[in-house]
Amino acid sequence: MEKAFDTRVVIDDESRENPTHRIDCYKNRIALEIEWNNKDPFFDRDLNNFRILFDLRAISAGIIITRCDHLQDIFDRLGKGASYGNSTTHMSKLLPRVSGGGGGGCPILIFGISKKSYAEN
């Protein structure tokens, strides 16, 4: 279920909005984002969202599902490769952001959809 949060920070009785982006799926304090074929800055948005919501104790962990880089071989073979370029969301765009601390202290679980999941019909 998609979830929006109304977040703000109060300092000395002064309230300041701290807007976040909607989470694709949210349940039991777990935030899930699915990034399939967006531009890779969407990962920055998701990780920042996780960081803010974790720091505010709104979530306990974040999960990102994206595609592994080697799926490009299948897309190319199916004639869809041009739609899934190097600047779109995939694992090699995400991992350096997470390793660099993009999610702050929020525990993040990453799932990469790989070629092994593909069944040709």
PDB file of N, CA and C in Angstrom:
ATOM      1  N   MET A   1       0.837  -1.166   0.000  1.00  0.00           N
ATOM      2  CA  MET A   1       0.000   0.000   0.000  1.00  0.00           C
ATOM      3  C   MET A   1       0.891   1.241   0.000  1.00  0.00           C
ATOM      4  N   GLU A   2       0.648   2.142  -0.926  1.00  0.00           N
ATOM      5  CA  GLU A   2       1.400   3.387  -0.998  1.00  0.00           C
ATOM      6  C   GLU A   2       1.151   4.212   0.260  1.00  0.00           C
ATOM      7  N   LYS A   3       2.190   4.948   0.695  1.00  0.00           N
ATOM      8  CA  LYS A   3       2.074   5.709   1.941  1.00  0.00           C
ATOM      9  C   LYS A   3       2.770   7.053   1.801  1.00  0.00           C
ATOM     10  N   ALA A   4       2.060   8.101   2.189  1.00  0.00           N
ATOM     11  CA  ALA A   4       2.642   9.434   2.290  1.00  0.00           C
ATOM     12  C   ALA A   4       2.773   9.763   3.772  1.00  0.00           C
ATOM     13  N   PHE A   5       3.786  10.510   4.111  1.00  0.00           N
ATOM     14  CA  PHE A   5       4.024  10.911   5.489  1.00  0.00           C
ATOM     15  C   PHE A   5       3.936  12.425   5.586  1.00  0.00           C
ATOM     16  N   ASP A   6       3.315  12.917   6.638  1.00  0.00           N
ATOM     17  CA  ASP A   6       3.283  14.344   6.945  1.00  0.00           C
ATOM     18  C   ASP A   6       4.359  14.564   7.993  1.00  0.00           C
ATOM     19  N   THR A   7       5.524  15.009   7.557  1.00  0.00           N
ATOM     20  CA  THR A   7       6.653  15.140   8.477  1.00  0.00           C
ATOM     21  C   THR A   7       7.019  16.600   8.684  1.00  0.00           C
ATOM     22  N   ARG A   8       7.415  16.875   9.896  1.00  0.00           N
ATOM     23  CA  ARG A   8       7.890  18.221  10.242  1.00  0.00           C
ATOM     24  C   ARG A   8       8.813  18.094  11.452  1.00  0.00           C
ATOM     25  N   VAL A   9       9.635  19.105  11.608  1.00  0.00           N
ATOM     26  CA  VAL A   9      10.546  19.171  12.733  1.00  0.00           C
ATOM     27  C   VAL A   9      10.156  20.390  13.559  1.00  0.00           C
ATOM     28  N   VAL A  10      10.115  20.223  14.867  1.00  0.00           N
ATOM     29  CA  VAL A  10       9.773  21.337  15.756  1.00  0.00           C
ATOM     30  C   VAL A  10      11.024  21.720  16.539  1.00  0.00           C
ATOM     31  N   ILE A  11      11.393  23.001  16.422  1.00  0.00           N
ATOM     32  CA  ILE A  11      12.546  23.531  17.146  1.00  0.00           C
ATOM     33  C   ILE A  11      12.067  24.752  17.925  1.00  0.00           C
ATOM     34  N   ASP A  12      12.160  24.683  19.256  1.00  0.00           N
ATOM     35  CA  ASP A  12      11.731  25.798  20.112  1.00  0.00           C
ATOM     36  C   ASP A  12      10.333  26.287  19.738  1.00  0.00           C
ATOM     37  N   ASP A  13       9.402  25.389  19.664  1.00  0.00           N
ATOM     38  CA  ASP A  13       7.999  25.677  19.355  1.00  0.00           C
ATOM     39  C   ASP A  13       7.773  26.181  17.929  1.00  0.00           C
ATOM     40  N   GLU A  14       8.798  26.168  17.106  1.00  0.00           N
ATOM     41  CA  GLU A  14       8.636  26.564  15.700  1.00  0.00           C
ATOM     42  C   GLU A  14       8.648  25.303  14.840  1.00  0.00           C
ATOM     43  N   SER A  15       7.566  25.113  14.111  1.00  0.00           N
ATOM     44  CA  SER A  15       7.423  23.921  13.270  1.00  0.00           C
ATOM     45  C   SER A  15       7.914  24.215  11.856  1.00  0.00           C
ATOM     46  N   ARG A  16       8.722  23.297  11.343  1.00  0.00           N
ATOM     47  CA  ARG A  16       9.227  23.402   9.971  1.00  0.00           C
ATOM     48  C   ARG A  16       8.872  22.126   9.237  1.00  0.00           C
ATOM     49  N   GLU A  17       8.257  22.286   8.075  1.00  0.00           N
ATOM     50  CA  GLU A  17       7.920  21.102   7.281  1.00  0.00           C
ATOM     51  C   GLU A  17       9.198  20.417   6.820  1.00  0.00           C
ATOM     52  N   ASN A  18       9.142  19.120   6.769  1.00  0.00           N
ATOM     53  CA  ASN A  18      10.254  18.299   6.311  1.00  0.00           C
ATOM     54  C   ASN A  18       9.673  17.304   5.312  1.00  0.00           C
ATOM     55  N   PRO A  19       9.337  17.793   4.105  1.00  0.00           N
ATOM     56  CA  PRO A  19       8.593  16.947   3.173  1.00  0.00           C
ATOM     57  C   PRO A  19       9.379  15.721   2.719  1.00  0.00           C
ATOM     58  N   THR A  20       8.664  14.649   2.538  1.00  0.00           N
ATOM     59  CA  THR A  20       9.242  13.418   2.006  1.00  0.00           C
ATOM     60  C   THR A  20       8.416  13.001   0.802  1.00  0.00           C
ATOM     61  N   HIS A  21       8.929  12.050   0.081  1.00  0.00           N
ATOM     62  CA  HIS A  21       8.232  11.527  -1.087  1.00  0.00           C
ATOM     63  C   HIS A  21       7.394  10.331  -0.668  1.00  0.00           C
ATOM     64  N   ARG A  22       6.318  10.070  -1.389  1.00  0.00           N
ATOM     65  CA  ARG A  22       5.490   8.888  -1.102  1.00  0.00           C
ATOM     66  C   ARG A  22       6.321   7.611  -1.237  1.00  0.00           C
ATOM     67  N   ILE A  23       6.052   6.680  -0.347  1.00  0.00           N
ATOM     68  CA  ILE A  23       6.686   5.366  -0.396  1.00  0.00           C
ATOM     69  C   ILE A  23       5.799   4.454  -1.246  1.00  0.00           C
ATOM     70  N   ASP A  24       6.417   3.664  -2.147  1.00  0.00           N
ATOM     71  CA  ASP A  24       5.626   2.769  -3.007  1.00  0.00           C
ATOM     72  C   ASP A  24       4.773   1.809  -2.182  1.00  0.00           C
ATOM     73  N   CYS A  25       5.385   1.179  -1.200  1.00  0.00           N
ATOM     74  CA  CYS A  25       4.673   0.222  -0.350  1.00  0.00           C
ATOM     75  C   CYS A  25       5.178   0.387   1.082  1.00  0.00           C
ATOM     76  N   TYR A  26       4.238   0.316   2.028  1.00  0.00           N
ATOM     77  CA  TYR A  26       4.600   0.497   3.430  1.00  0.00           C
ATOM     78  C   TYR A  26       3.729  -0.412   4.288  1.00  0.00           C
ATOM     79  N   LYS A  27       4.382  -1.140   5.193  1.00  0.00           N
ATOM     80  CA  LYS A  27       3.639  -1.971   6.135  1.00  0.00           C
ATOM     81  C   LYS A  27       4.561  -2.284   7.313  1.00  0.00           C
ATOM     82  N   ASN A  28       4.006  -2.198   8.511  1.00  0.00           N
ATOM     83  CA  ASN A  28       4.730  -2.558   9.737  1.00  0.00           C
ATOM     84  C   ASN A  28       6.103  -1.873   9.835  1.00  0.00           C
ATOM     85  N   ARG A  29       6.144  -0.591   9.508  1.00  0.00           N
ATOM     86  CA  ARG A  29       7.340   0.235   9.603  1.00  0.00           C
ATOM     87  C   ARG A  29       8.438  -0.145   8.619  1.00  0.00           C
ATOM     88  N   ILE A  30       8.071  -0.882   7.571  1.00  0.00           N
ATOM     89  CA  ILE A  30       9.010  -1.235   6.509  1.00  0.00           C
ATOM     90  C   ILE A  30       8.590  -0.484   5.244  1.00  0.00           C
ATOM     91  N   ALA A  31       9.555   0.233   4.650  1.00  0.00           N
ATOM     92  CA  ALA A  31       9.302   1.003   3.431  1.00  0.00           C
ATOM     93  C   ALA A  31       9.909   0.259   2.246  1.00  0.00           C
ATOM     94  N   LEU A  32       9.130   0.090   1.189  1.00  0.00           N
ATOM     95  CA  LEU A  32       9.567  -0.630  -0.005  1.00  0.00           C
ATOM     96  C   LEU A  32       9.452   0.268  -1.218  1.00  0.00           C
ATOM     97  N   GLU A  33      10.532   0.368  -1.970  1.00  0.00           N
ATOM     98  CA  GLU A  33      10.536   1.118  -3.225  1.00  0.00           C
ATOM     99  C   GLU A  33      10.903   0.177  -4.359  1.00  0.00           C
ATOM    100  N   ILE A  34      10.194   0.296  -5.471  1.00  0.00           N
ATOM    101  CA  ILE A  34      10.475  -0.495  -6.664  1.00  0.00           C
ATOM    102  C   ILE A  34      10.940   0.461  -7.747  1.00  0.00           C
ATOM    103  N   GLU A  35      12.180   0.290  -8.169  1.00  0.00           N
ATOM    104  CA  GLU A  35      12.753   1.135  -9.217  1.00  0.00           C
ATOM    105  C   GLU A  35      13.133   0.247 -10.390  1.00  0.00           C
ATOM    106  N   TRP A  36      12.339   0.311 -11.420  1.00  0.00           N
ATOM    107  CA  TRP A  36      12.530  -0.591 -12.548  1.00  0.00           C
ATOM    108  C   TRP A  36      13.178   0.103 -13.732  1.00  0.00           C
ATOM    109  N   ASN A  37      12.654   1.241 -14.162  1.00  0.00           N
ATOM    110  CA  ASN A  37      13.207   1.895 -15.348  1.00  0.00           C
ATOM    111  C   ASN A  37      13.072   3.415 -15.241  1.00  0.00           C
ATOM    112  N   ASN A  38      13.382   3.946 -14.057  1.00  0.00           N
ATOM    113  CA  ASN A  38      13.403   5.392 -13.869  1.00  0.00           C
ATOM    114  C   ASN A  38      14.814   5.896 -14.111  1.00  0.00           C
ATOM    115  N   LYS A  39      14.965   7.192 -14.117  1.00  0.00           N
ATOM    116  CA  LYS A  39      16.310   7.777 -14.174  1.00  0.00           C
ATOM    117  C   LYS A  39      16.992   7.498 -12.837  1.00  0.00           C
ATOM    118  N   ASP A  40      18.298   7.297 -12.861  1.00  0.00           N
ATOM    119  CA  ASP A  40      18.989   6.855 -11.641  1.00  0.00           C
ATOM    120  C   ASP A  40      18.954   7.845 -10.479  1.00  0.00           C
ATOM    121  N   PRO A  41      18.706   9.166 -10.665  1.00  0.00           N
ATOM    122  CA  PRO A  41      18.561  10.026  -9.479  1.00  0.00           C
ATOM    123  C   PRO A  41      17.377   9.644  -8.573  1.00  0.00           C
ATOM    124  N   PHE A  42      16.457   8.822  -9.066  1.00  0.00           N
ATOM    125  CA  PHE A  42      15.372   8.350  -8.214  1.00  0.00           C
ATOM    126  C   PHE A  42      15.920   7.554  -7.029  1.00  0.00           C
ATOM    127  N   PHE A  43      17.077   6.907  -7.216  1.00  0.00           N
ATOM    128  CA  PHE A  43      17.705   6.209  -6.092  1.00  0.00           C
ATOM    129  C   PHE A  43      18.087   7.199  -4.991  1.00  0.00           C
ATOM    130  N   ASP A  44      18.610   8.373  -5.380  1.00  0.00           N
ATOM    131  CA  ASP A  44      18.970   9.387  -4.384  1.00  0.00           C
ATOM    132  C   ASP A  44      17.738   9.807  -3.595  1.00  0.00           C
ATOM    133  N   ARG A  45      16.633  10.014  -4.310  1.00  0.00           N
ATOM    134  CA  ARG A  45      15.376  10.394  -3.654  1.00  0.00           C
ATOM    135  C   ARG A  45      14.940   9.322  -2.669  1.00  0.00           C
ATOM    136  N   ASP A  46      14.968   8.062  -3.088  1.00  0.00           N
ATOM    137  CA  ASP A  46      14.538   6.956  -2.222  1.00  0.00           C
ATOM    138  C   ASP A  46      15.424   6.839  -0.988  1.00  0.00           C
ATOM    139  N   LEU A  47      16.735   6.896  -1.180  1.00  0.00           N
ATOM    140  CA  LEU A  47      17.658   6.758  -0.061  1.00  0.00           C
ATOM    141  C   LEU A  47      17.524   7.922   0.918  1.00  0.00           C
ATOM    142  N   ASN A  48      17.352   9.121   0.407  1.00  0.00           N
ATOM    143  CA  ASN A  48      17.155  10.271   1.279  1.00  0.00           C
ATOM    144  C   ASN A  48      15.851  10.135   2.060  1.00  0.00           C
ATOM    145  N   ASN A  49      14.822   9.667   1.390  1.00  0.00           N
ATOM    146  CA  ASN A  49      13.537   9.420   2.046  1.00  0.00           C
ATOM    147  C   ASN A  49      13.700   8.414   3.189  1.00  0.00           C
ATOM    148  N   PHE A  50      14.384   7.313   2.913  1.00  0.00           N
ATOM    149  CA  PHE A  50      14.636   6.308   3.941  1.00  0.00           C
ATOM    150  C   PHE A  50      15.382   6.935   5.123  1.00  0.00           C
ATOM    151  N   ARG A  51      16.415   7.726   4.829  1.00  0.00           N
ATOM    152  CA  ARG A  51      17.218   8.353   5.881  1.00  0.00           C
ATOM    153  C   ARG A  51      16.354   9.244   6.771  1.00  0.00           C
ATOM    154  N   ILE A  52      15.573  10.118   6.147  1.00  0.00           N
ATOM    155  CA  ILE A  52      14.727  11.040   6.923  1.00  0.00           C
ATOM    156  C   ILE A  52      13.709  10.266   7.754  1.00  0.00           C
ATOM    157  N   LEU A  53      12.999   9.332   7.128  1.00  0.00           N
ATOM    158  CA  LEU A  53      11.949   8.596   7.831  1.00  0.00           C
ATOM    159  C   LEU A  53      12.515   7.711   8.937  1.00  0.00           C
ATOM    160  N   PHE A  54      13.708   7.168   8.730  1.00  0.00           N
ATOM    161  CA  PHE A  54      14.359   6.375   9.771  1.00  0.00           C
ATOM    162  C   PHE A  54      14.770   7.270  10.942  1.00  0.00           C
ATOM    163  N   ASP A  55      15.361   8.417  10.623  1.00  0.00           N
ATOM    164  CA  ASP A  55      15.773   9.350  11.682  1.00  0.00           C
ATOM    165  C   ASP A  55      14.585   9.853  12.494  1.00  0.00           C
ATOM    166  N   LEU A  56      13.428   9.986  11.850  1.00  0.00           N
ATOM    167  CA  LEU A  56      12.216  10.423  12.541  1.00  0.00           C
ATOM    168  C   LEU A  56      11.469   9.256  13.194  1.00  0.00           C
ATOM    169  N   ARG A  57      12.038   8.062  13.105  1.00  0.00           N
ATOM    170  CA  ARG A  57      11.477   6.834  13.672  1.00  0.00           C
ATOM    171  C   ARG A  57      10.120   6.460  13.079  1.00  0.00           C
ATOM    172  N   ALA A  58       9.927   6.830  11.806  1.00  0.00           N
ATOM    173  CA  ALA A  58       8.699   6.457  11.104  1.00  0.00           C
ATOM    174  C   ALA A  58       8.845   5.093  10.438  1.00  0.00           C
ATOM    175  N   ILE A  59      10.088   4.717  10.091  1.00  0.00           N
ATOM    176  CA  ILE A  59      10.339   3.394   9.524  1.00  0.00           C
ATOM    177  C   ILE A  59      11.490   2.739  10.278  1.00  0.00           C
ATOM    178  N   SER A  60      11.530   1.409  10.193  1.00  0.00           N
ATOM    179  CA  SER A  60      12.616   0.644  10.809  1.00  0.00           C
ATOM    180  C   SER A  60      13.648   0.205   9.784  1.00  0.00           C
ATOM    181  N   ALA A  61      13.231   0.091   8.519  1.00  0.00           N
ATOM    182  CA  ALA A  61      14.131  -0.354   7.456  1.00  0.00           C
ATOM    183  C   ALA A  61      13.536   0.017   6.100  1.00  0.00           C
ATOM    184  N   GLY A  62      14.402   0.042   5.103  1.00  0.00           N
ATOM    185  CA  GLY A  62      13.978   0.291   3.735  1.00  0.00           C
ATOM    186  C   GLY A  62      14.386  -0.860   2.840  1.00  0.00           C
ATOM    187  N   ILE A  63      13.588  -1.103   1.826  1.00  0.00           N
ATOM    188  CA  ILE A  63      13.868  -2.149   0.848  1.00  0.00           C
ATOM    189  C   ILE A  63      13.766  -1.515  -0.538  1.00  0.00           C
ATOM    190  N   ILE A  64      14.737  -1.836  -1.394  1.00  0.00           N
ATOM    191  CA  ILE A  64      14.679  -1.393  -2.787  1.00  0.00           C
ATOM    192  C   ILE A  64      14.767  -2.626  -3.671  1.00  0.00           C
ATOM    193  N   ILE A  65      13.843  -2.713  -4.613  1.00  0.00           N
ATOM    194  CA  ILE A  65      13.866  -3.760  -5.629  1.00  0.00           C
ATOM    195  C   ILE A  65      14.193  -3.085  -6.957  1.00  0.00           C
ATOM    196  N   THR A  66      15.214  -3.591  -7.627  1.00  0.00           N
ATOM    197  CA  THR A  66      15.603  -3.046  -8.921  1.00  0.00           C
ATOM    198  C   THR A  66      16.103  -4.194  -9.795  1.00  0.00           C
ATOM    199  N   ARG A  67      16.615  -3.863 -10.946  1.00  0.00           N
ATOM    200  CA  ARG A  67      17.083  -4.919 -11.852  1.00  0.00           C
ATOM    201  C   ARG A  67      18.600  -5.032 -11.821  1.00  0.00           C
ATOM    202  N   CYS A  68      19.083  -6.227 -12.018  1.00  0.00           N
ATOM    203  CA  CYS A  68      20.520  -6.438 -12.156  1.00  0.00           C
ATOM    204  C   CYS A  68      20.956  -5.950 -13.534  1.00  0.00           C
ATOM    205  N   ASP A  69      22.190  -5.532 -13.634  1.00  0.00           N
ATOM    206  CA  ASP A  69      22.699  -4.975 -14.887  1.00  0.00           C
ATOM    207  C   ASP A  69      22.602  -5.964 -16.049  1.00  0.00           C
ATOM    208  N   HIS A  70      22.848  -7.236 -15.763  1.00  0.00           N
ATOM    209  CA  HIS A  70      22.903  -8.213 -16.849  1.00  0.00           C
ATOM    210  C   HIS A  70      21.538  -8.501 -17.492  1.00  0.00           C
ATOM    211  N   LEU A  71      20.460  -7.950 -16.958  1.00  0.00           N
ATOM    212  CA  LEU A  71      19.171  -8.077 -17.652  1.00  0.00           C
ATOM    213  C   LEU A  71      19.186  -7.336 -18.984  1.00  0.00           C
ATOM    214  N   GLN A  72      20.135  -6.403 -19.124  1.00  0.00           N
ATOM    215  CA  GLN A  72      20.240  -5.651 -20.377  1.00  0.00           C
ATOM    216  C   GLN A  72      20.426  -6.601 -21.558  1.00  0.00           C
ATOM    217  N   ASP A  73      21.144  -7.699 -21.363  1.00  0.00           N
ATOM    218  CA  ASP A  73      21.338  -8.692 -22.440  1.00  0.00           C
ATOM    219  C   ASP A  73      19.993  -9.221 -22.934  1.00  0.00           C
ATOM    220  N   ILE A  74      19.093  -9.508 -22.016  1.00  0.00           N
ATOM    221  CA  ILE A  74      17.765 -10.016 -22.393  1.00  0.00           C
ATOM    222  C   ILE A  74      16.975  -8.926 -23.107  1.00  0.00           C
ATOM    223  N   PHE A  75      17.009  -7.705 -22.576  1.00  0.00           N
ATOM    224  CA  PHE A  75      16.287  -6.601 -23.219  1.00  0.00           C
ATOM    225  C   PHE A  75      16.805  -6.379 -24.638  1.00  0.00           C
ATOM    226  N   ASP A  76      18.124  -6.440 -24.811  1.00  0.00           N
ATOM    227  CA  ASP A  76      18.707  -6.261 -26.147  1.00  0.00           C
ATOM    228  C   ASP A  76      18.229  -7.366 -27.086  1.00  0.00           C
ATOM    229  N   ARG A  77      18.238  -8.587 -26.606  1.00  0.00           N
ATOM    230  CA  ARG A  77      17.822  -9.729 -27.423  1.00  0.00           C
ATOM    231  C   ARG A  77      16.343  -9.635 -27.820  1.00  0.00           C
ATOM    232  N   LEU A  78      15.525  -9.049 -26.932  1.00  0.00           N
ATOM    233  CA  LEU A  78      14.092  -8.890 -27.211  1.00  0.00           C
ATOM    234  C   LEU A  78      13.780  -7.625 -28.018  1.00  0.00           C
ATOM    235  N   GLY A  79      14.822  -6.862 -28.351  1.00  0.00           N
ATOM    236  CA  GLY A  79      14.620  -5.628 -29.106  1.00  0.00           C
ATOM    237  C   GLY A  79      14.107  -4.477 -28.261  1.00  0.00           C
ATOM    238  N   LYS A  80      14.243  -4.577 -26.944  1.00  0.00           N
ATOM    239  CA  LYS A  80      13.769  -3.537 -26.026  1.00  0.00           C
ATOM    240  C   LYS A  80      14.924  -2.788 -25.365  1.00  0.00           C
ATOM    241  N   GLY A  81      16.154  -3.087 -25.766  1.00  0.00           N
ATOM    242  CA  GLY A  81      17.330  -2.542 -25.099  1.00  0.00           C
ATOM    243  C   GLY A  81      17.398  -1.031 -25.079  1.00  0.00           C
ATOM    244  N   ALA A  82      16.918  -0.380 -26.143  1.00  0.00           N
ATOM    245  CA  ALA A  82      16.983   1.085 -26.200  1.00  0.00           C
ATOM    246  C   ALA A  82      16.134   1.739 -25.108  1.00  0.00           C
ATOM    247  N   SER A  83      15.111   1.049 -24.633  1.00  0.00           N
ATOM    248  CA  SER A  83      14.239   1.593 -23.584  1.00  0.00           C
ATOM    249  C   SER A  83      14.855   1.490 -22.194  1.00  0.00           C
ATOM    250  N   TYR A  84      15.884   0.660 -22.057  1.00  0.00           N
ATOM    251  CA  TYR A  84      16.510   0.414 -20.758  1.00  0.00           C
ATOM    252  C   TYR A  84      17.985   0.773 -20.843  1.00  0.00           C
ATOM    253  N   GLY A  85      18.274   2.055 -20.814  1.00  0.00           N
ATOM    254  CA  GLY A  85      19.639   2.517 -21.020  1.00  0.00           C
ATOM    255  C   GLY A  85      20.479   2.534 -19.762  1.00  0.00           C
ATOM    256  N   ASN A  86      21.720   2.989 -19.922  1.00  0.00           N
ATOM    257  CA  ASN A  86      22.685   3.020 -18.832  1.00  0.00           C
ATOM    258  C   ASN A  86      22.326   4.030 -17.747  1.00  0.00           C
ATOM    259  N   SER A  87      21.536   5.048 -18.099  1.00  0.00           N
ATOM    260  CA  SER A  87      21.202   6.068 -17.096  1.00  0.00           C
ATOM    261  C   SER A  87      19.927   5.735 -16.327  1.00  0.00           C
ATOM    262  N   THR A  88      19.362   4.556 -16.563  1.00  0.00           N
ATOM    263  CA  THR A  88      18.163   4.160 -15.827  1.00  0.00           C
ATOM    264  C   THR A  88      18.541   3.341 -14.602  1.00  0.00           C
ATOM    265  N   THR A  89      17.552   3.109 -13.750  1.00  0.00           N
ATOM    266  CA  THR A  89      17.798   2.440 -12.471  1.00  0.00           C
ATOM    267  C   THR A  89      18.170   0.976 -12.664  1.00  0.00           C
ATOM    268  N   HIS A  90      19.335   0.625 -12.139  1.00  0.00           N
ATOM    269  CA  HIS A  90      19.783  -0.759 -12.080  1.00  0.00           C
ATOM    270  C   HIS A  90      20.851  -0.866 -10.995  1.00  0.00           C
ATOM    271  N   MET A  91      21.247  -2.068 -10.688  1.00  0.00           N
ATOM    272  CA  MET A  91      22.064  -2.355  -9.513  1.00  0.00           C
ATOM    273  C   MET A  91      23.372  -1.558  -9.459  1.00  0.00           C
ATOM    274  N   SER A  92      24.097  -1.439 -10.564  1.00  0.00           N
ATOM    275  CA  SER A  92      25.393  -0.748 -10.486  1.00  0.00           C
ATOM    276  C   SER A  92      25.230   0.751 -10.253  1.00  0.00           C
ATOM    277  N   LYS A  93      24.048   1.286 -10.439  1.00  0.00           N
ATOM    278  CA  LYS A  93      23.779   2.688 -10.106  1.00  0.00           C
ATOM    279  C   LYS A  93      23.402   2.834  -8.625  1.00  0.00           C
ATOM    280  N   LEU A  94      22.856   1.783  -8.038  1.00  0.00           N
ATOM    281  CA  LEU A  94      22.396   1.834  -6.658  1.00  0.00           C
ATOM    282  C   LEU A  94      23.503   1.535  -5.638  1.00  0.00           C
ATOM    283  N   LEU A  95      24.266   0.501  -5.877  1.00  0.00           N
ATOM    284  CA  LEU A  95      25.232   0.035  -4.876  1.00  0.00           C
ATOM    285  C   LEU A  95      26.233   1.105  -4.432  1.00  0.00           C
ATOM    286  N   PRO A  96      26.820   1.904  -5.337  1.00  0.00           N
ATOM    287  CA  PRO A  96      27.736   2.951  -4.854  1.00  0.00           C
ATOM    288  C   PRO A  96      27.053   3.991  -3.972  1.00  0.00           C
ATOM    289  N   ARG A  97      25.794   4.264  -4.249  1.00  0.00           N
ATOM    290  CA  ARG A  97      25.054   5.229  -3.427  1.00  0.00           C
ATOM    291  C   ARG A  97      24.844   4.697  -2.012  1.00  0.00           C
ATOM    292  N   VAL A  98      24.511   3.422  -1.915  1.00  0.00           N
ATOM    293  CA  VAL A  98      24.305   2.805  -0.602  1.00  0.00           C
ATOM    294  C   VAL A  98      25.644   2.688   0.129  1.00  0.00           C
ATOM    295  N   SER A  99      26.685   2.231  -0.566  1.00  0.00           N
ATOM    296  CA  SER A  99      28.016   2.104   0.047  1.00  0.00           C
ATOM    297  C   SER A  99      28.551   3.447   0.509  1.00  0.00           C
ATOM    298  N   GLY A 100      28.168   4.505  -0.188  1.00  0.00           N
ATOM    299  CA  GLY A 100      28.609   5.844   0.174  1.00  0.00           C
ATOM    300  C   GLY A 100      27.807   6.478   1.294  1.00  0.00           C
ATOM    301  N   GLY A 101      26.867   5.739   1.865  1.00  0.00           N
ATOM    302  CA  GLY A 101      26.100   6.246   2.996  1.00  0.00           C
ATOM    303  C   GLY A 101      24.830   6.982   2.614  1.00  0.00           C
ATOM    304  N   GLY A 102      24.352   6.793   1.398  1.00  0.00           N
ATOM    305  CA  GLY A 102      23.166   7.505   0.921  1.00  0.00           C
ATOM    306  C   GLY A 102      21.923   7.318   1.772  1.00  0.00           C
ATOM    307  N   GLY A 103      21.818   6.216   2.465  1.00  0.00           N
ATOM    308  CA  GLY A 103      20.646   5.974   3.302  1.00  0.00           C
ATOM    309  C   GLY A 103      20.840   6.374   4.750  1.00  0.00           C
ATOM    310  N   GLY A 104      21.964   7.027   5.053  1.00  0.00           N
ATOM    311  CA  GLY A 104      22.250   7.393   6.443  1.00  0.00           C
ATOM    312  C   GLY A 104      22.364   6.139   7.290  1.00  0.00           C
ATOM    313  N   GLY A 105      21.724   6.128   8.434  1.00  0.00           N
ATOM    314  CA  GLY A 105      21.774   4.973   9.323  1.00  0.00           C
ATOM    315  C   GLY A 105      20.670   3.970   9.097  1.00  0.00           C
ATOM    316  N   CYS A 106      19.816   4.210   8.123  1.00  0.00           N
ATOM    317  CA  CYS A 106      18.683   3.318   7.871  1.00  0.00           C
ATOM    318  C   CYS A 106      19.166   1.976   7.332  1.00  0.00           C
ATOM    319  N   PRO A 107      18.783   0.865   7.947  1.00  0.00           N
ATOM    320  CA  PRO A 107      19.095  -0.450   7.377  1.00  0.00           C
ATOM    321  C   PRO A 107      18.364  -0.599   6.035  1.00  0.00           C
ATOM    322  N   ILE A 108      19.105  -1.030   5.017  1.00  0.00           N
ATOM    323  CA  ILE A 108      18.528  -1.140   3.679  1.00  0.00           C
ATOM    324  C   ILE A 108      18.798  -2.535   3.133  1.00  0.00           C
ATOM    325  N   LEU A 109      17.747  -3.161   2.646  1.00  0.00           N
ATOM    326  CA  LEU A 109      17.829  -4.458   1.994  1.00  0.00           C
ATOM    327  C   LEU A 109      17.594  -4.233   0.511  1.00  0.00           C
ATOM    328  N   ILE A 110      18.464  -4.799  -0.318  1.00  0.00           N
ATOM    329  CA  ILE A 110      18.366  -4.594  -1.767  1.00  0.00           C
ATOM    330  C   ILE A 110      18.143  -5.937  -2.449  1.00  0.00           C
ATOM    331  N   PHE A 111      17.147  -5.971  -3.331  1.00  0.00           N
ATOM    332  CA  PHE A 111      16.893  -7.142  -4.161  1.00  0.00           C
ATOM    333  C   PHE A 111      17.145  -6.762  -5.608  1.00  0.00           C
ATOM    334  N   GLY A 112      17.951  -7.558  -6.290  1.00  0.00           N
ATOM    335  CA  GLY A 112      18.201  -7.352  -7.713  1.00  0.00           C
ATOM    336  C   GLY A 112      17.553  -8.476  -8.502  1.00  0.00           C
ATOM    337  N   ILE A 113      16.688  -8.111  -9.428  1.00  0.00           N
ATOM    338  CA  ILE A 113      16.049  -9.108 -10.284  1.00  0.00           C
ATOM    339  C   ILE A 113      17.051  -9.500 -11.363  1.00  0.00           C
ATOM    340  N   SER A 114      17.344 -10.781 -11.441  1.00  0.00           N
ATOM    341  CA  SER A 114      18.407 -11.248 -12.326  1.00  0.00           C
ATOM    342  C   SER A 114      17.859 -12.077 -13.497  1.00  0.00           C
ATOM    343  N   LYS A 115      18.771 -12.458 -14.375  1.00  0.00           N
ATOM    344  CA  LYS A 115      18.431 -13.292 -15.533  1.00  0.00           C
ATOM    345  C   LYS A 115      17.788 -14.608 -15.105  1.00  0.00           C
ATOM    346  N   LYS A 116      18.172 -15.093 -13.946  1.00  0.00           N
ATOM    347  CA  LYS A 116      17.637 -16.374 -13.467  1.00  0.00           C
ATOM    348  C   LYS A 116      16.117 -16.315 -13.267  1.00  0.00           C
ATOM    349  N   SER A 117      15.577 -15.118 -13.128  1.00  0.00           N
ATOM    350  CA  SER A 117      14.127 -14.952 -12.934  1.00  0.00           C
ATOM    351  C   SER A 117      13.368 -14.959 -14.257  1.00  0.00           C
ATOM    352  N   TYR A 118      14.088 -14.910 -15.359  1.00  0.00           N
ATOM    353  CA  TYR A 118      13.454 -14.811 -16.671  1.00  0.00           C
ATOM    354  C   TYR A 118      13.155 -16.208 -17.219  1.00  0.00           C
ATOM    355  N   ALA A 119      11.916 -16.388 -17.629  1.00  0.00           N
ATOM    356  CA  ALA A 119      11.513 -17.640 -18.286  1.00  0.00           C
ATOM    357  C   ALA A 119      10.931 -17.285 -19.645  1.00  0.00           C
ATOM    358  N   GLU A 120      11.548 -17.783 -20.682  1.00  0.00           N
ATOM    359  CA  GLU A 120      11.092 -17.491 -22.034  1.00  0.00           C
ATOM    360  C   GLU A 120       9.904 -18.395 -22.355  1.00  0.00           C
ATOM    361  N   ASN A 121       8.800 -17.779 -22.764  1.00  0.00           N
ATOM    362  CA  ASN A 121       7.601 -18.563 -23.096  1.00  0.00           C
ATOM    363  C   ASN A 121       7.462 -18.740 -24.581  1.00  0.00           C
TER     364      ASN A 121
END
